[in-house]
Amino acid sequence: MDPRPKTPERREDALSRERIVASAIGLLDEEGERALTFRALANRLSTGSGAIYWHIPDKDALLSAATETVLSRALAGIAGGSDPADTLRAIALSVFDAIEVHPWVGTQLAREPWQPAMVEVFERSSAQFDLLGVPRGSLFHCVSAFVQYLLGSAAQTAAAARHKFRASERPAVLAAIVERWTRRDPGEYPFVHLLAEQVRTHDEREAFLAGLDLILAGAKPAR
C-alpha cells in the first residue's frame, strides 16, 4: 500500500470565473436580472455560494463581468477597414444587436455607463473618429455623442424588455402610441400627426442606423 497522500485529480469542470460568468449570462438571458442571485447561480453550477464568492465578490461585480463579456464578444470580429465611418457603424450595430439579444446589458449600460465594459467601445470609436478627421480637441465631444446615442438605444431596449414587450406585441404597442398621438388637435400638433404613421411602421434597426448616420455626417470635416 502506497503511504503517500494522493494528489486530488483536477476536475475538467472545475469552477472558474469564466464558468461562473457564462452561467450568469445564461440565467440573465432566461430569467432576467431579478433572478440572478448567488444561490440560484450555485444551483446551476452544482456548487455552494461560497465557492462563487471566492471568484466574484458580489452581484454588481458579476453583472459588470457578464456585461463586459457580452460586449467583448460582440466587438471581437470588428476590424478597422478603409472607411472609418463603416467601422463606426459596425461597432454601433454590434452593440445594438448584442443588446437586442441580451436586454439586461442595456439596463447595465444605462445604469453604469462608465463601467469597464464600455472602455473598449470608447477606445475603438475614438480611434475611428480620429481617422475620420475629427480634431483631437473635439474628439471627446464627438465620441461622447456617439456613446450617448448607443446608451439611449440601450435604455430603450431595456425598458421594452422590462415591460415584457415581445416582438409579437410590438404592433399593438405602437398602435396604442399612434392612437394617443392622433387624439391631439392636428392644428396644434401638425408634426405629431405627420410622424404618427411612421411610428407605426418604422423598423427599429433602420431608425437606429439613420440616427447614427446623422452623427457621422456631423463628424466629417467640411471639404
C-alpha atoms as a PDB file:
ATOM      1  CA  MET A   1       0.000   0.000   0.000  1.00  0.00           C
ATOM      2  CA  ASP A   2       1.384   3.393  -1.041  1.00  0.00           C
ATOM      3  CA  PRO A   3       1.592   5.630   2.096  1.00  0.00           C
ATOM      4  CA  ARG A   4       1.955   8.843   0.111  1.00  0.00           C
ATOM      5  CA  PRO A   5      -1.087  11.133   0.121  1.00  0.00           C
ATOM      6  CA  LYS A   6      -2.956  11.197  -3.136  1.00  0.00           C
ATOM      7  CA  THR A   7      -2.996  14.422  -5.131  1.00  0.00           C
ATOM      8  CA  PRO A   8      -6.581  15.405  -5.939  1.00  0.00           C
ATOM      9  CA  GLU A   9      -7.326  14.982  -9.633  1.00  0.00           C
ATOM     10  CA  ARG A  10      -8.188  18.194 -11.419  1.00  0.00           C
ATOM     11  CA  ARG A  11     -11.815  18.130 -12.493  1.00  0.00           C
ATOM     12  CA  GLU A  12     -12.458  19.130 -16.090  1.00  0.00           C
ATOM     13  CA  ASP A  13     -15.459  21.107 -14.913  1.00  0.00           C
ATOM     14  CA  ALA A  14     -13.617  22.821 -12.048  1.00  0.00           C
ATOM     15  CA  LEU A  15     -15.238  26.074 -11.066  1.00  0.00           C
ATOM     16  CA  SER A  16     -13.653  29.144 -12.644  1.00  0.00           C
ATOM     17  CA  ARG A  17     -14.535  32.789 -13.037  1.00  0.00           C
ATOM     18  CA  GLU A  18     -15.250  32.147 -16.723  1.00  0.00           C
ATOM     19  CA  ARG A  19     -17.711  29.338 -15.924  1.00  0.00           C
ATOM     20  CA  ILE A  20     -19.455  31.476 -13.333  1.00  0.00           C
ATOM     21  CA  VAL A  21     -19.845  34.405 -15.740  1.00  0.00           C
ATOM     22  CA  ALA A  22     -21.055  32.131 -18.563  1.00  0.00           C
ATOM     23  CA  SER A  23     -23.658  30.589 -16.276  1.00  0.00           C
ATOM     24  CA  ALA A  24     -24.735  34.038 -15.078  1.00  0.00           C
ATOM     25  CA  ILE A  25     -25.244  35.164 -18.689  1.00  0.00           C
ATOM     26  CA  GLY A  26     -27.436  32.121 -19.305  1.00  0.00           C
ATOM     27  CA  LEU A  27     -29.507  32.857 -16.207  1.00  0.00           C
ATOM     28  CA  LEU A  28     -29.868  36.537 -17.096  1.00  0.00           C
ATOM     29  CA  ASP A  29     -30.968  35.690 -20.649  1.00  0.00           C
ATOM     30  CA  GLU A  30     -33.541  33.167 -19.451  1.00  0.00           C
ATOM     31  CA  GLU A  31     -34.978  34.850 -16.373  1.00  0.00           C
ATOM     32  CA  GLY A  32     -33.725  38.434 -16.146  1.00  0.00           C
ATOM     33  CA  GLU A  33     -31.720  40.395 -13.616  1.00  0.00           C
ATOM     34  CA  ARG A  34     -34.039  39.819 -10.643  1.00  0.00           C
ATOM     35  CA  ALA A  35     -33.485  36.066 -10.910  1.00  0.00           C
ATOM     36  CA  LEU A  36     -29.711  36.433 -10.674  1.00  0.00           C
ATOM     37  CA  THR A  37     -28.741  35.527  -7.111  1.00  0.00           C
ATOM     38  CA  PHE A  38     -25.682  33.684  -5.898  1.00  0.00           C
ATOM     39  CA  ARG A  39     -27.945  30.927  -4.590  1.00  0.00           C
ATOM     40  CA  ALA A  40     -29.629  30.452  -7.985  1.00  0.00           C
ATOM     41  CA  LEU A  41     -26.249  30.520  -9.678  1.00  0.00           C
ATOM     42  CA  ALA A  42     -24.839  27.996  -7.214  1.00  0.00           C
ATOM     43  CA  ASN A  43     -27.724  25.639  -8.018  1.00  0.00           C
ATOM     44  CA  ARG A  44     -26.999  25.898 -11.748  1.00  0.00           C
ATOM     45  CA  LEU A  45     -23.319  25.217 -11.164  1.00  0.00           C
ATOM     46  CA  SER A  46     -23.932  22.454  -8.583  1.00  0.00           C
ATOM     47  CA  THR A  47     -21.724  24.187  -6.056  1.00  0.00           C
ATOM     48  CA  GLY A  48     -22.005  26.354  -2.967  1.00  0.00           C
ATOM     49  CA  SER A  49     -22.410  30.125  -2.863  1.00  0.00           C
ATOM     50  CA  GLY A  50     -19.106  30.411  -1.008  1.00  0.00           C
ATOM     51  CA  ALA A  51     -17.244  28.923  -3.958  1.00  0.00           C
ATOM     52  CA  ILE A  52     -18.666  31.637  -6.201  1.00  0.00           C
ATOM     53  CA  TYR A  53     -17.728  34.397  -3.746  1.00  0.00           C
ATOM     54  CA  TRP A  54     -14.157  33.116  -3.926  1.00  0.00           C
ATOM     55  CA  HIS A  55     -14.051  34.233  -7.575  1.00  0.00           C
ATOM     56  CA  ILE A  56     -16.504  37.182  -7.643  1.00  0.00           C
ATOM     57  CA  PRO A  57     -17.219  39.389  -4.601  1.00  0.00           C
ATOM     58  CA  ASP A  58     -20.814  40.480  -5.227  1.00  0.00           C
ATOM     59  CA  LYS A  59     -23.701  40.761  -7.678  1.00  0.00           C
ATOM     60  CA  ASP A  60     -22.607  44.134  -9.030  1.00  0.00           C
ATOM     61  CA  ALA A  61     -19.203  42.720  -9.945  1.00  0.00           C
ATOM     62  CA  LEU A  62     -20.891  39.710 -11.546  1.00  0.00           C
ATOM     63  CA  LEU A  63     -23.209  41.881 -13.647  1.00  0.00           C
ATOM     64  CA  SER A  64     -20.269  44.037 -14.706  1.00  0.00           C
ATOM     65  CA  ALA A  65     -18.259  40.957 -15.734  1.00  0.00           C
ATOM     66  CA  ALA A  66     -21.209  39.490 -17.636  1.00  0.00           C
ATOM     67  CA  THR A  67     -21.804  42.776 -19.486  1.00  0.00           C
ATOM     68  CA  GLU A  68     -18.114  43.089 -20.346  1.00  0.00           C
ATOM     69  CA  THR A  69     -18.068  39.521 -21.678  1.00  0.00           C
ATOM     70  CA  VAL A  70     -21.090  40.090 -23.928  1.00  0.00           C
ATOM     71  CA  LEU A  71     -19.725  43.352 -25.353  1.00  0.00           C
ATOM     72  CA  SER A  72     -16.235  41.926 -25.870  1.00  0.00           C
ATOM     73  CA  ARG A  73     -17.708  39.062 -27.876  1.00  0.00           C
ATOM     74  CA  ALA A  74     -19.826  41.482 -29.900  1.00  0.00           C
ATOM     75  CA  LEU A  75     -16.812  43.611 -30.820  1.00  0.00           C
ATOM     76  CA  ALA A  76     -14.339  40.768 -31.295  1.00  0.00           C
ATOM     77  CA  GLY A  77     -14.884  40.330 -35.030  1.00  0.00           C
ATOM     78  CA  ILE A  78     -14.689  44.009 -35.975  1.00  0.00           C
ATOM     79  CA  ALA A  79     -11.511  45.037 -37.729  1.00  0.00           C
ATOM     80  CA  GLY A  80     -10.791  48.554 -38.913  1.00  0.00           C
ATOM     81  CA  GLY A  81     -11.388  48.897 -42.634  1.00  0.00           C
ATOM     82  CA  SER A  82     -10.593  51.556 -45.199  1.00  0.00           C
ATOM     83  CA  ASP A  83     -13.631  53.629 -44.239  1.00  0.00           C
ATOM     84  CA  PRO A  84     -13.729  54.627 -40.551  1.00  0.00           C
ATOM     85  CA  ALA A  85     -17.421  55.558 -40.861  1.00  0.00           C
ATOM     86  CA  ASP A  86     -18.215  51.962 -41.861  1.00  0.00           C
ATOM     87  CA  THR A  87     -16.220  50.689 -38.893  1.00  0.00           C
ATOM     88  CA  LEU A  88     -18.140  53.010 -36.565  1.00  0.00           C
ATOM     89  CA  ARG A  89     -21.404  51.664 -37.986  1.00  0.00           C
ATOM     90  CA  ALA A  90     -20.160  48.124 -37.368  1.00  0.00           C
ATOM     91  CA  ILE A  91     -19.269  48.972 -33.753  1.00  0.00           C
ATOM     92  CA  ALA A  92     -22.652  50.588 -33.143  1.00  0.00           C
ATOM     93  CA  LEU A  93     -24.624  47.782 -34.769  1.00  0.00           C
ATOM     94  CA  SER A  94     -22.690  45.139 -32.853  1.00  0.00           C
ATOM     95  CA  VAL A  95     -23.633  46.836 -29.583  1.00  0.00           C
ATOM     96  CA  PHE A  96     -27.223  47.315 -30.777  1.00  0.00           C
ATOM     97  CA  ASP A  97     -27.565  43.637 -31.774  1.00  0.00           C
ATOM     98  CA  ALA A  98     -25.947  42.422 -28.541  1.00  0.00           C
ATOM     99  CA  ILE A  99     -28.487  44.379 -26.510  1.00  0.00           C
ATOM    100  CA  GLU A 100     -31.345  43.032 -28.627  1.00  0.00           C
ATOM    101  CA  VAL A 101     -30.228  39.509 -27.711  1.00  0.00           C
ATOM    102  CA  HIS A 102     -29.319  40.360 -24.094  1.00  0.00           C
ATOM    103  CA  PRO A 103     -31.666  43.207 -22.990  1.00  0.00           C
ATOM    104  CA  TRP A 104     -30.235  43.184 -19.453  1.00  0.00           C
ATOM    105  CA  VAL A 105     -26.994  44.524 -20.947  1.00  0.00           C
ATOM    106  CA  GLY A 106     -28.942  47.649 -21.902  1.00  0.00           C
ATOM    107  CA  THR A 107     -30.044  48.048 -18.295  1.00  0.00           C
ATOM    108  CA  GLN A 108     -26.467  47.763 -17.081  1.00  0.00           C
ATOM    109  CA  LEU A 109     -25.078  50.245 -19.597  1.00  0.00           C
ATOM    110  CA  ALA A 110     -27.843  52.755 -18.884  1.00  0.00           C
ATOM    111  CA  ARG A 111     -27.303  52.375 -15.130  1.00  0.00           C
ATOM    112  CA  GLU A 112     -23.496  52.480 -15.162  1.00  0.00           C
ATOM    113  CA  PRO A 113     -22.277  53.933 -18.478  1.00  0.00           C
ATOM    114  CA  TRP A 114     -18.685  54.292 -17.252  1.00  0.00           C
ATOM    115  CA  GLN A 115     -18.243  50.662 -16.300  1.00  0.00           C
ATOM    116  CA  PRO A 116     -15.310  48.617 -17.706  1.00  0.00           C
ATOM    117  CA  ALA A 117     -17.477  47.117 -20.461  1.00  0.00           C
ATOM    118  CA  MET A 118     -17.510  50.495 -22.228  1.00  0.00           C
ATOM    119  CA  VAL A 119     -13.743  51.024 -22.252  1.00  0.00           C
ATOM    120  CA  GLU A 120     -13.324  49.071 -25.477  1.00  0.00           C
ATOM    121  CA  VAL A 121     -16.198  50.959 -27.123  1.00  0.00           C
ATOM    122  CA  PHE A 122     -14.575  54.296 -26.220  1.00  0.00           C
ATOM    123  CA  GLU A 123     -11.150  53.161 -27.427  1.00  0.00           C
ATOM    124  CA  ARG A 124     -12.315  51.737 -30.736  1.00  0.00           C
ATOM    125  CA  SER A 125     -14.728  54.523 -31.588  1.00  0.00           C
ATOM    126  CA  SER A 126     -12.198  57.228 -30.652  1.00  0.00           C
ATOM    127  CA  ALA A 127      -9.632  55.693 -32.991  1.00  0.00           C
ATOM    128  CA  GLN A 128     -12.135  55.680 -35.866  1.00  0.00           C
ATOM    129  CA  PHE A 129     -13.304  59.255 -35.301  1.00  0.00           C
ATOM    130  CA  ASP A 130      -9.634  60.251 -35.269  1.00  0.00           C
ATOM    131  CA  LEU A 131      -9.191  58.535 -38.653  1.00  0.00           C
ATOM    132  CA  LEU A 132     -12.318  60.305 -39.853  1.00  0.00           C
ATOM    133  CA  GLY A 133     -10.506  63.609 -39.346  1.00  0.00           C
ATOM    134  CA  VAL A 134     -12.119  64.851 -36.145  1.00  0.00           C
ATOM    135  CA  PRO A 135      -9.692  67.303 -34.453  1.00  0.00           C
ATOM    136  CA  ARG A 136      -8.192  65.929 -31.238  1.00  0.00           C
ATOM    137  CA  GLY A 137      -9.669  68.851 -29.296  1.00  0.00           C
ATOM    138  CA  SER A 138     -13.172  67.854 -30.428  1.00  0.00           C
ATOM    139  CA  LEU A 139     -12.726  64.102 -30.092  1.00  0.00           C
ATOM    140  CA  PHE A 140     -14.225  63.784 -26.610  1.00  0.00           C
ATOM    141  CA  HIS A 141     -17.426  65.607 -27.567  1.00  0.00           C
ATOM    142  CA  CYS A 142     -17.808  63.597 -30.754  1.00  0.00           C
ATOM    143  CA  VAL A 143     -17.234  60.225 -29.080  1.00  0.00           C
ATOM    144  CA  SER A 144     -19.500  61.209 -26.197  1.00  0.00           C
ATOM    145  CA  ALA A 145     -22.347  61.948 -28.615  1.00  0.00           C
ATOM    146  CA  PHE A 146     -21.775  58.564 -30.282  1.00  0.00           C
ATOM    147  CA  VAL A 147     -21.728  56.687 -26.973  1.00  0.00           C
ATOM    148  CA  GLN A 148     -24.720  58.567 -25.558  1.00  0.00           C
ATOM    149  CA  TYR A 149     -26.653  57.580 -28.670  1.00  0.00           C
ATOM    150  CA  LEU A 150     -25.756  53.929 -28.025  1.00  0.00           C
ATOM    151  CA  LEU A 151     -26.749  54.226 -24.368  1.00  0.00           C
ATOM    152  CA  GLY A 152     -30.073  55.838 -25.271  1.00  0.00           C
ATOM    153  CA  SER A 153     -30.849  52.936 -27.556  1.00  0.00           C
ATOM    154  CA  ALA A 154     -29.724  50.530 -24.829  1.00  0.00           C
ATOM    155  CA  ALA A 155     -32.072  52.133 -22.305  1.00  0.00           C
ATOM    156  CA  GLN A 156     -34.993  51.955 -24.723  1.00  0.00           C
ATOM    157  CA  THR A 157     -34.394  48.275 -25.469  1.00  0.00           C
ATOM    158  CA  ALA A 158     -34.036  47.504 -21.777  1.00  0.00           C
ATOM    159  CA  ALA A 159     -37.268  49.358 -20.964  1.00  0.00           C
ATOM    160  CA  ALA A 160     -39.162  47.354 -23.591  1.00  0.00           C
ATOM    161  CA  ALA A 161     -37.814  44.129 -22.128  1.00  0.00           C
ATOM    162  CA  ARG A 162     -38.645  45.260 -18.593  1.00  0.00           C
ATOM    163  CA  HIS A 163     -42.262  45.796 -19.642  1.00  0.00           C
ATOM    164  CA  LYS A 164     -42.205  42.436 -21.442  1.00  0.00           C
ATOM    165  CA  PHE A 165     -42.916  43.842 -24.894  1.00  0.00           C
ATOM    166  CA  ARG A 166     -42.306  40.812 -27.062  1.00  0.00           C
ATOM    167  CA  ALA A 167     -41.840  41.140 -30.820  1.00  0.00           C
ATOM    168  CA  SER A 168     -45.345  39.787 -31.410  1.00  0.00           C
ATOM    169  CA  GLU A 169     -46.789  42.532 -29.181  1.00  0.00           C
ATOM    170  CA  ARG A 170     -44.923  45.384 -30.860  1.00  0.00           C
ATOM    171  CA  PRO A 171     -47.657  46.257 -33.429  1.00  0.00           C
ATOM    172  CA  ALA A 172     -50.256  46.609 -30.665  1.00  0.00           C
ATOM    173  CA  VAL A 173     -47.911  48.759 -28.547  1.00  0.00           C
ATOM    174  CA  LEU A 174     -47.138  51.052 -31.488  1.00  0.00           C
ATOM    175  CA  ALA A 175     -50.822  51.248 -32.441  1.00  0.00           C
ATOM    176  CA  ALA A 176     -51.611  52.425 -28.902  1.00  0.00           C
ATOM    177  CA  ILE A 177     -48.931  55.127 -29.162  1.00  0.00           C
ATOM    178  CA  VAL A 178     -50.294  56.289 -32.521  1.00  0.00           C
ATOM    179  CA  GLU A 179     -53.841  56.346 -31.143  1.00  0.00           C
ATOM    180  CA  ARG A 180     -52.760  58.598 -28.245  1.00  0.00           C
ATOM    181  CA  TRP A 181     -50.828  60.888 -30.557  1.00  0.00           C
ATOM    182  CA  THR A 182     -53.646  61.303 -33.051  1.00  0.00           C
ATOM    183  CA  ARG A 183     -56.066  62.372 -30.319  1.00  0.00           C
ATOM    184  CA  ARG A 184     -54.205  65.658 -30.254  1.00  0.00           C
ATOM    185  CA  ASP A 185     -55.531  68.650 -32.166  1.00  0.00           C
ATOM    186  CA  PRO A 186     -53.880  68.462 -35.629  1.00  0.00           C
ATOM    187  CA  GLY A 187     -53.937  72.249 -35.826  1.00  0.00           C
ATOM    188  CA  GLU A 188     -51.820  72.489 -32.664  1.00  0.00           C
ATOM    189  CA  TYR A 189     -49.726  69.363 -33.278  1.00  0.00           C
ATOM    190  CA  PRO A 190     -49.386  69.007 -37.063  1.00  0.00           C
ATOM    191  CA  PHE A 191     -45.999  67.280 -36.930  1.00  0.00           C
ATOM    192  CA  VAL A 192     -47.129  64.756 -34.335  1.00  0.00           C
ATOM    193  CA  HIS A 193     -49.845  63.714 -36.795  1.00  0.00           C
ATOM    194  CA  LEU A 194     -47.296  63.660 -39.612  1.00  0.00           C
ATOM    195  CA  LEU A 195     -44.991  61.355 -37.645  1.00  0.00           C
ATOM    196  CA  ALA A 196     -47.721  59.091 -36.251  1.00  0.00           C
ATOM    197  CA  GLU A 197     -47.920  56.706 -39.201  1.00  0.00           C
ATOM    198  CA  GLN A 198     -44.131  56.497 -39.389  1.00  0.00           C
ATOM    199  CA  VAL A 199     -44.108  55.452 -35.724  1.00  0.00           C
ATOM    200  CA  ARG A 200     -46.468  52.600 -36.572  1.00  0.00           C
ATOM    201  CA  THR A 201     -44.414  51.256 -39.492  1.00  0.00           C
ATOM    202  CA  HIS A 202     -40.809  52.107 -38.644  1.00  0.00           C
ATOM    203  CA  ASP A 203     -38.066  49.488 -38.333  1.00  0.00           C
ATOM    204  CA  GLU A 204     -36.005  49.842 -35.113  1.00  0.00           C
ATOM    205  CA  ARG A 205     -32.710  48.861 -36.718  1.00  0.00           C
ATOM    206  CA  GLU A 206     -33.265  51.131 -39.709  1.00  0.00           C
ATOM    207  CA  ALA A 207     -34.159  54.046 -37.431  1.00  0.00           C
ATOM    208  CA  PHE A 208     -31.063  53.379 -35.340  1.00  0.00           C
ATOM    209  CA  LEU A 209     -28.855  53.483 -38.432  1.00  0.00           C
ATOM    210  CA  ALA A 210     -30.490  56.680 -39.663  1.00  0.00           C
ATOM    211  CA  GLY A 211     -29.727  58.432 -36.379  1.00  0.00           C
ATOM    212  CA  LEU A 212     -26.188  57.103 -36.440  1.00  0.00           C
ATOM    213  CA  ASP A 213     -25.666  58.485 -39.942  1.00  0.00           C
ATOM    214  CA  LEU A 214     -26.651  61.937 -38.688  1.00  0.00           C
ATOM    215  CA  ILE A 215     -23.914  61.752 -36.051  1.00  0.00           C
ATOM    216  CA  LEU A 216     -21.350  60.559 -38.599  1.00  0.00           C
ATOM    217  CA  ALA A 217     -22.345  63.261 -41.094  1.00  0.00           C
ATOM    218  CA  GLY A 218     -21.795  65.891 -38.417  1.00  0.00           C
ATOM    219  CA  ALA A 219     -18.408  64.424 -37.512  1.00  0.00           C
ATOM    220  CA  LYS A 220     -16.988  64.506 -41.032  1.00  0.00           C
ATOM    221  CA  PRO A 221     -14.850  67.582 -41.638  1.00  0.00           C
ATOM    222  CA  ALA A 222     -16.048  70.016 -44.300  1.00  0.00           C
ATOM    223  CA  ARG A 223     -14.379  69.531 -47.692  1.00  0.00           C
END
